[in-house]
Amino acid sequence: MVLASAAALPVLLGTASCRSEDLFAGPDPLAAPPRPAPDVITLEQVIAAEHNMIQLYLAAIGGSRAAGARGLEALLAEHRQHLAALRARLILPPGAPASPSPAPGAASSSPGAASPARGRATTAQLRAAERASAADLVQRLGTAEPALAQLLASIAASDATHVTALGGG
């Protein structure tokens, strides 16, 4: 009993030191937010590139109802599915700011995938953007975690088939 009261004496007298790191072992709430994980950065970049690809297809289709435009609409639908699958994988912690969708015409992380400033895109531009996108995605495979790498490989394969569908070899 005497030993227990001797240990409590500094606390009762207010002389015990109380350091915040003794009470709080988590991240510093006053520090800057932690950096996103590499896969989050990859997802954000691929989402931006996919968004730009969609804008490029929309520019190519324009208001056309020609048979060629219907073929482009089918490819556009696949890109919209890719975008939905990518966004579904992007899970942000509560309170973290979601990266805004890039504005139409914003630069992307993959060369050749940028949207034209204004006007219509050509089939050649679409083909070049698809080829560049497939190459960019394949380069990312080695650094992505397995589930993300599988999704990126699937999208890259789809982009490669789009090159062929657009008349490329």
Protein backbone atom coordinates (compact mmCIF):
# COMPACT_ATOMS: atom_id res chain seq x y z
CA MET A 1 0.00 0.00 0.00
CA VAL A 2 2.77 2.41 0.88
CA LEU A 3 4.51 1.57 -2.39
CA ALA A 4 1.38 2.24 -4.44
CA SER A 5 0.79 5.59 -2.74
CA ALA A 6 4.41 6.59 -3.29
CA ALA A 7 4.02 5.95 -7.00
CA ALA A 8 0.85 8.05 -7.10
CA LEU A 9 2.38 10.99 -5.20
CA PRO A 10 3.93 12.78 -8.24
CA VAL A 11 0.61 12.53 -10.05
CA LEU A 12 -1.27 13.98 -7.11
CA LEU A 13 1.24 16.80 -6.75
CA GLY A 14 1.18 17.58 -10.46
CA THR A 15 4.86 16.90 -10.97
CA ALA A 16 4.45 13.92 -13.27
CA SER A 17 5.41 14.65 -16.85
CA CYS A 18 2.75 14.03 -19.44
CA ARG A 19 4.07 13.90 -22.99
CA SER A 20 1.65 13.84 -25.89
CA GLU A 21 3.51 10.97 -27.54
CA ASP A 22 2.75 8.89 -24.43
CA LEU A 23 -0.96 9.42 -24.97
CA PHE A 24 -1.23 9.50 -28.73
CA ALA A 25 0.61 7.02 -30.90
CA GLY A 26 -1.10 7.82 -34.23
CA PRO A 27 -0.25 10.38 -36.88
CA ASP A 28 0.15 14.00 -35.87
CA PRO A 29 -3.25 15.63 -36.46
CA LEU A 30 -1.56 18.99 -37.07
CA ALA A 31 0.82 17.65 -39.70
CA ALA A 32 0.15 17.70 -43.41
CA PRO A 33 -1.93 14.81 -44.72
CA PRO A 34 0.07 11.71 -45.56
CA ARG A 35 1.18 11.19 -49.13
CA PRO A 36 -1.07 8.91 -51.17
CA ALA A 37 0.14 5.38 -51.72
CA PRO A 38 1.79 4.66 -55.09
CA ASP A 39 -1.23 2.67 -56.28
CA VAL A 40 -3.52 5.60 -55.47
CA ILE A 41 -1.30 7.89 -57.53
CA THR A 42 -1.30 5.36 -60.38
CA LEU A 43 -5.09 5.06 -60.22
CA GLU A 44 -5.55 8.83 -60.29
CA GLN A 45 -3.24 9.13 -63.31
CA VAL A 46 -4.94 6.31 -65.21
CA ILE A 47 -8.37 7.73 -64.36
CA ALA A 48 -7.29 11.11 -65.77
CA ALA A 49 -5.94 9.43 -68.92
CA GLU A 50 -9.14 7.41 -69.36
CA HIS A 51 -11.23 10.56 -68.90
CA ASN A 52 -9.16 12.27 -71.59
CA MET A 53 -9.62 9.28 -73.90
CA ILE A 54 -13.39 9.60 -73.46
CA GLN A 55 -13.20 13.30 -74.31
CA LEU A 56 -11.21 12.46 -77.43
CA TYR A 57 -13.86 9.96 -78.53
CA LEU A 58 -16.62 12.48 -77.86
CA ALA A 59 -14.75 15.00 -80.03
CA ALA A 60 -14.42 12.39 -82.79
CA ILE A 61 -18.07 11.42 -82.67
CA GLY A 62 -19.40 14.95 -82.42
CA GLY A 63 -23.01 15.00 -83.56
CA SER A 64 -22.39 12.46 -86.30
CA ARG A 65 -24.79 9.55 -86.76
CA ALA A 66 -22.76 7.91 -89.53
CA ALA A 67 -21.97 4.19 -89.43
CA GLY A 68 -18.39 4.98 -88.41
CA ALA A 69 -19.64 7.01 -85.48
CA ARG A 70 -21.66 4.04 -84.25
CA GLY A 71 -18.47 1.98 -84.24
CA LEU A 72 -16.74 4.72 -82.24
CA GLU A 73 -19.65 4.79 -79.79
CA ALA A 74 -19.07 1.10 -79.06
CA LEU A 75 -15.41 1.81 -78.27
CA LEU A 76 -16.45 4.84 -76.23
CA ALA A 77 -18.78 2.62 -74.18
CA GLU A 78 -15.84 0.35 -73.35
CA HIS A 79 -13.81 3.34 -72.18
CA ARG A 80 -16.67 4.42 -69.96
CA GLN A 81 -16.69 0.92 -68.44
CA HIS A 82 -12.93 1.16 -67.87
CA LEU A 83 -13.38 4.51 -66.14
CA ALA A 84 -16.10 3.08 -63.88
CA ALA A 85 -13.90 0.10 -62.96
CA LEU A 86 -10.95 2.37 -62.18
CA ARG A 87 -13.03 4.74 -60.07
CA ALA A 88 -14.48 1.80 -58.15
CA ARG A 89 -10.95 0.80 -57.10
CA LEU A 90 -10.07 4.29 -55.88
CA ILE A 91 -10.97 4.24 -52.21
CA LEU A 92 -10.08 7.37 -50.32
CA PRO A 93 -10.05 7.64 -46.53
CA PRO A 94 -12.86 9.65 -44.93
CA GLY A 95 -12.14 13.36 -45.11
CA ALA A 96 -9.55 13.00 -47.87
CA PRO A 97 -10.18 15.32 -50.78
CA ALA A 98 -11.18 13.44 -53.88
CA SER A 99 -9.16 14.47 -56.87
CA PRO A 100 -11.51 16.28 -59.20
CA SER A 101 -12.17 14.85 -62.63
CA PRO A 102 -9.96 16.63 -65.10
CA ALA A 103 -11.61 19.20 -67.26
CA PRO A 104 -12.17 18.32 -70.89
CA GLY A 105 -8.97 18.92 -72.79
CA ALA A 106 -6.74 18.60 -69.73
CA ALA A 107 -3.39 16.98 -70.30
CA SER A 108 -3.08 13.35 -69.37
CA SER A 109 -0.21 11.27 -68.14
CA SER A 110 0.09 9.32 -71.36
CA PRO A 111 1.37 10.96 -74.51
CA GLY A 112 -0.95 11.03 -77.45
CA ALA A 113 -4.04 10.73 -75.27
CA ALA A 114 -4.67 14.44 -74.85
CA SER A 115 -7.91 15.79 -76.23
CA PRO A 116 -7.90 18.25 -79.08
CA ALA A 117 -8.41 21.81 -77.89
CA ARG A 118 -11.65 22.28 -79.83
CA GLY A 119 -13.18 20.65 -82.81
CA ARG A 120 -13.18 17.10 -84.04
CA ALA A 121 -10.67 14.36 -83.49
CA THR A 122 -9.65 12.10 -86.32
CA THR A 123 -9.44 8.33 -86.43
CA ALA A 124 -5.66 8.70 -86.68
CA GLN A 125 -5.64 10.68 -83.41
CA LEU A 126 -7.78 8.03 -81.74
CA ARG A 127 -5.49 5.27 -83.00
CA ALA A 128 -2.38 7.10 -81.73
CA ALA A 129 -4.03 7.76 -78.35
CA GLU A 130 -5.09 4.12 -77.99
CA ARG A 131 -1.58 2.92 -78.89
CA ALA A 132 0.01 5.34 -76.40
CA SER A 133 -2.46 4.37 -73.70
CA ALA A 134 -1.78 0.65 -74.12
CA ALA A 135 1.99 1.25 -73.95
CA ASP A 136 1.62 3.45 -70.84
CA LEU A 137 -0.52 0.89 -69.05
CA VAL A 138 1.88 -1.95 -69.84
CA GLN A 139 4.74 0.11 -68.37
CA ARG A 140 2.79 0.52 -65.14
CA LEU A 141 2.22 -3.22 -64.66
CA GLY A 142 5.53 -3.92 -62.94
CA THR A 143 4.97 -1.42 -60.14
CA ALA A 144 1.27 -2.00 -59.47
CA GLU A 145 -0.05 -4.42 -56.87
CA PRO A 146 -1.43 -7.62 -58.45
CA ALA A 147 -5.16 -6.77 -58.52
CA LEU A 148 -4.52 -3.33 -59.98
CA ALA A 149 -1.99 -4.77 -62.44
CA GLN A 150 -4.64 -7.20 -63.65
CA LEU A 151 -7.10 -4.37 -64.28
CA LEU A 152 -4.46 -2.29 -66.05
CA ALA A 153 -3.48 -5.27 -68.22
CA SER A 154 -7.11 -5.80 -69.16
CA ILE A 155 -7.52 -2.16 -70.14
CA ALA A 156 -4.23 -2.21 -72.07
CA ALA A 157 -5.38 -5.27 -74.01
CA SER A 158 -8.66 -3.54 -74.79
CA ASP A 159 -6.82 -0.43 -75.97
CA ALA A 160 -4.63 -2.58 -78.22
CA THR A 161 -7.72 -4.14 -79.80
CA HIS A 162 -9.15 -0.65 -80.31
CA VAL A 163 -6.05 0.22 -82.37
CA THR A 164 -6.90 -2.68 -84.67
CA ALA A 165 -10.60 -1.73 -84.76
CA LEU A 166 -9.60 1.78 -85.78
CA GLY A 167 -7.70 0.44 -88.77
CA GLY A 168 -4.24 0.23 -87.25
CA GLY A 169 -1.94 -2.71 -87.17
